[in-house]
Amino acid sequence: MLSTARTLLSLYASYGLLVLANALFTTLTSLRADLEGFTVQTIGLIMAGYFLGMFLGARYTSKVIQRGGHIRAFAAFASFMSLSPLMHALFIDPWVWWVLRLIDGFCLAGLFIITESWLNARSDNKTRGSIMAIYMVVNYLASGWGSCFCCLHRRTPLRPLLWHQSVFHCPCCR
């Protein structure tokens, strides 16, 4: 079990950075929307777009993975996820943000599916529970810590975006 977990260390680290960056950006999106003067209802709709994307991604990303393979699909999904914050900075429009959050959710669902399938492929029936438990611990720790990075730089609105970009690109280069 220990040797299997050790071989998966880079996958766990990459996944943790992806989740950390996503948690940072999710928190940042709602805060930034409020700063831009969007209504509470509009912010709620923008944030709901992400979960609709997750729902659609859980249903349809398997087709993308089958067509292009795990590695290409991972690269495509991660690339869009890293571009999304820049698009949010360029277009201050609630509908554009909603579409971007929808696509973010779709892509993140694909990244989750790919990561989990890699973990399942690397584990046997004996170690699968422990491997997935480590995966969930990484998930919850990264989600919790990701939101904390929003508070680091209150004066400069672009700094959290730059943090997101630098953190998100790390797992894309593994």
Protein backbone atom coordinates (compact mmCIF):
# COMPACT_ATOMS: atom_id res chain seq x y z
CA MET A 1 0.00 0.00 0.00
CA LEU A 2 2.77 2.44 0.92
CA SER A 3 4.65 1.87 -2.33
CA THR A 4 1.46 2.43 -4.35
CA ALA A 5 0.70 5.65 -2.47
CA ARG A 6 4.28 6.81 -3.00
CA THR A 7 3.99 6.32 -6.78
CA LEU A 8 0.81 8.39 -6.75
CA LEU A 9 2.39 11.28 -4.85
CA SER A 10 2.75 13.50 -7.93
CA LEU A 11 -0.86 12.82 -8.90
CA TYR A 12 -2.03 13.71 -5.38
CA ALA A 13 0.08 16.88 -5.43
CA SER A 14 -1.23 17.90 -8.86
CA TYR A 15 -4.79 17.21 -7.84
CA GLY A 16 -4.32 19.15 -4.61
CA LEU A 17 -3.02 22.18 -6.50
CA LEU A 18 -5.94 22.00 -8.95
CA VAL A 19 -8.48 21.89 -6.13
CA LEU A 20 -6.67 24.64 -4.21
CA ALA A 21 -6.66 26.91 -7.26
CA ASN A 22 -10.31 26.15 -7.98
CA ALA A 23 -11.35 26.91 -4.40
CA LEU A 24 -9.42 30.18 -4.55
CA PHE A 25 -11.06 31.15 -7.82
CA THR A 26 -14.55 30.17 -6.71
CA THR A 27 -14.27 32.40 -3.65
CA LEU A 28 -12.64 35.16 -5.68
CA THR A 29 -15.38 35.08 -8.33
CA SER A 30 -18.17 35.82 -5.89
CA LEU A 31 -16.14 38.54 -4.14
CA ARG A 32 -15.15 40.13 -7.44
CA ALA A 33 -18.74 40.02 -8.72
CA ASP A 34 -19.82 41.91 -5.61
CA LEU A 35 -17.08 44.50 -6.17
CA GLU A 36 -18.26 44.91 -9.77
CA GLY A 37 -21.74 45.77 -8.48
CA PHE A 38 -23.60 42.63 -9.56
CA THR A 39 -26.79 41.96 -7.63
CA VAL A 40 -26.93 39.11 -5.13
CA GLN A 41 -29.29 37.21 -7.44
CA THR A 42 -26.90 37.63 -10.37
CA ILE A 43 -23.98 36.42 -8.27
CA GLY A 44 -26.05 33.40 -7.26
CA LEU A 45 -26.81 32.61 -10.91
CA ILE A 46 -23.15 32.98 -11.89
CA MET A 47 -22.09 30.63 -9.12
CA ALA A 48 -24.89 28.17 -10.02
CA GLY A 49 -23.49 27.99 -13.56
CA TYR A 50 -20.47 26.18 -12.14
CA PHE A 51 -22.62 23.44 -10.65
CA LEU A 52 -24.65 23.07 -13.83
CA GLY A 53 -21.31 22.64 -15.61
CA MET A 54 -20.28 19.98 -13.07
CA PHE A 55 -23.54 18.15 -13.73
CA LEU A 56 -23.09 18.30 -17.51
CA GLY A 57 -19.41 17.43 -17.19
CA ALA A 58 -20.17 14.32 -15.17
CA ARG A 59 -22.45 13.24 -18.00
CA TYR A 60 -20.45 14.18 -21.11
CA THR A 61 -16.71 14.41 -20.38
CA SER A 62 -16.31 10.66 -20.81
CA LYS A 63 -16.91 11.17 -24.55
CA VAL A 64 -14.11 13.75 -24.70
CA ILE A 65 -11.80 11.39 -22.80
CA GLN A 66 -12.64 8.47 -25.11
CA ARG A 67 -11.95 10.54 -28.22
CA GLY A 68 -8.72 12.21 -27.15
CA GLY A 69 -7.35 10.03 -24.39
CA HIS A 70 -6.73 10.78 -20.73
CA ILE A 71 -3.60 12.88 -21.14
CA ARG A 72 -4.92 15.11 -23.93
CA ALA A 73 -8.26 15.55 -22.19
CA PHE A 74 -6.50 16.43 -18.93
CA ALA A 75 -4.37 19.01 -20.76
CA ALA A 76 -7.38 20.50 -22.55
CA PHE A 77 -9.52 20.74 -19.42
CA ALA A 78 -6.67 22.14 -17.32
CA SER A 79 -5.74 24.66 -20.03
CA PHE A 80 -9.20 26.11 -20.12
CA MET A 81 -9.38 26.19 -16.35
CA SER A 82 -6.17 28.21 -16.28
CA LEU A 83 -7.45 30.67 -18.91
CA SER A 84 -10.81 31.23 -17.29
CA PRO A 85 -9.67 33.75 -14.62
CA LEU A 86 -8.03 35.84 -17.31
CA MET A 87 -11.27 35.84 -19.29
CA HIS A 88 -13.13 36.94 -16.15
CA ALA A 89 -10.73 39.87 -15.87
CA LEU A 90 -11.20 40.84 -19.53
CA PHE A 91 -15.00 40.65 -19.67
CA ILE A 92 -16.95 42.20 -16.82
CA ASP A 93 -20.32 40.86 -17.88
CA PRO A 94 -22.55 38.55 -15.82
CA TRP A 95 -23.57 36.41 -18.80
CA VAL A 96 -19.99 35.91 -19.92
CA TRP A 97 -19.06 35.00 -16.34
CA TRP A 98 -21.97 32.55 -16.17
CA VAL A 99 -20.82 30.81 -19.36
CA LEU A 100 -17.23 30.74 -18.11
CA ARG A 101 -18.30 29.25 -14.77
CA LEU A 102 -20.41 26.66 -16.63
CA ILE A 103 -17.38 25.65 -18.69
CA ASP A 104 -15.21 25.68 -15.54
CA GLY A 105 -17.56 23.20 -13.89
CA PHE A 106 -17.59 21.02 -16.99
CA CYS A 107 -13.79 20.99 -17.19
CA LEU A 108 -13.31 20.36 -13.48
CA ALA A 109 -15.69 17.40 -13.65
CA GLY A 110 -13.49 16.03 -16.43
CA LEU A 111 -10.36 16.57 -14.35
CA PHE A 112 -11.98 14.76 -11.42
CA ILE A 113 -13.00 11.84 -13.63
CA ILE A 114 -9.53 11.54 -15.13
CA THR A 115 -7.82 11.74 -11.73
CA GLU A 116 -10.13 9.17 -10.19
CA SER A 117 -9.74 6.80 -13.13
CA TRP A 118 -5.94 7.06 -12.84
CA LEU A 119 -6.18 6.29 -9.13
CA ASN A 120 -8.46 3.32 -9.78
CA ALA A 121 -6.12 2.01 -12.47
CA ARG A 122 -3.14 2.18 -10.10
CA SER A 123 -4.85 0.44 -7.19
CA ASP A 124 -6.12 -3.07 -6.66
CA ASN A 125 -9.13 -4.19 -4.65
CA LYS A 126 -7.01 -4.42 -1.53
CA THR A 127 -5.63 -0.86 -1.64
CA ARG A 128 -8.43 1.03 -3.42
CA GLY A 129 -10.12 2.23 -0.22
CA SER A 130 -6.91 3.65 1.22
CA ILE A 131 -5.91 5.25 -2.08
CA MET A 132 -9.30 6.93 -2.41
CA ALA A 133 -9.21 7.99 1.26
CA ILE A 134 -5.93 9.84 0.66
CA TYR A 135 -7.53 11.39 -2.42
CA MET A 136 -10.44 12.69 -0.34
CA VAL A 137 -8.13 14.04 2.39
CA VAL A 138 -6.17 15.94 -0.29
CA ASN A 139 -9.48 17.20 -1.70
CA TYR A 140 -10.76 18.58 1.60
CA LEU A 141 -7.44 20.07 2.70
CA ALA A 142 -6.90 21.81 -0.64
CA SER A 143 -10.49 23.09 -0.74
CA GLY A 144 -10.15 24.53 2.73
CA TRP A 145 -6.80 26.17 2.13
CA GLY A 146 -7.69 27.53 -1.31
CA SER A 147 -10.22 30.00 0.02
CA CYS A 148 -7.73 31.30 2.56
CA PHE A 149 -5.47 32.73 -0.17
CA CYS A 150 -8.08 35.37 -1.08
CA CYS A 151 -7.27 37.28 2.08
CA LEU A 152 -3.54 37.57 1.39
CA HIS A 153 -3.67 40.64 -0.83
CA ARG A 154 -6.65 42.91 -0.30
CA ARG A 155 -5.16 46.02 -1.87
CA THR A 156 -4.46 44.70 -5.36
CA PRO A 157 -7.42 43.01 -7.10
CA LEU A 158 -5.20 41.26 -9.65
CA ARG A 159 -2.91 39.62 -7.09
CA PRO A 160 -5.30 36.78 -6.24
CA LEU A 161 -5.74 36.14 -9.97
CA LEU A 162 -1.98 35.93 -10.35
CA TRP A 163 -1.82 33.54 -7.38
CA HIS A 164 -4.45 31.41 -9.08
CA GLN A 165 -2.51 31.39 -12.34
CA SER A 166 0.76 30.42 -10.71
CA VAL A 167 -0.79 27.69 -8.56
CA PHE A 168 -2.95 26.32 -11.36
CA HIS A 169 -0.14 26.00 -13.88
CA CYS A 170 1.96 23.80 -11.59
CA PRO A 171 -0.13 20.62 -12.01
CA CYS A 172 -0.55 21.29 -15.73
CA CYS A 173 3.20 20.90 -16.22
CA ARG A 174 3.74 17.62 -14.41
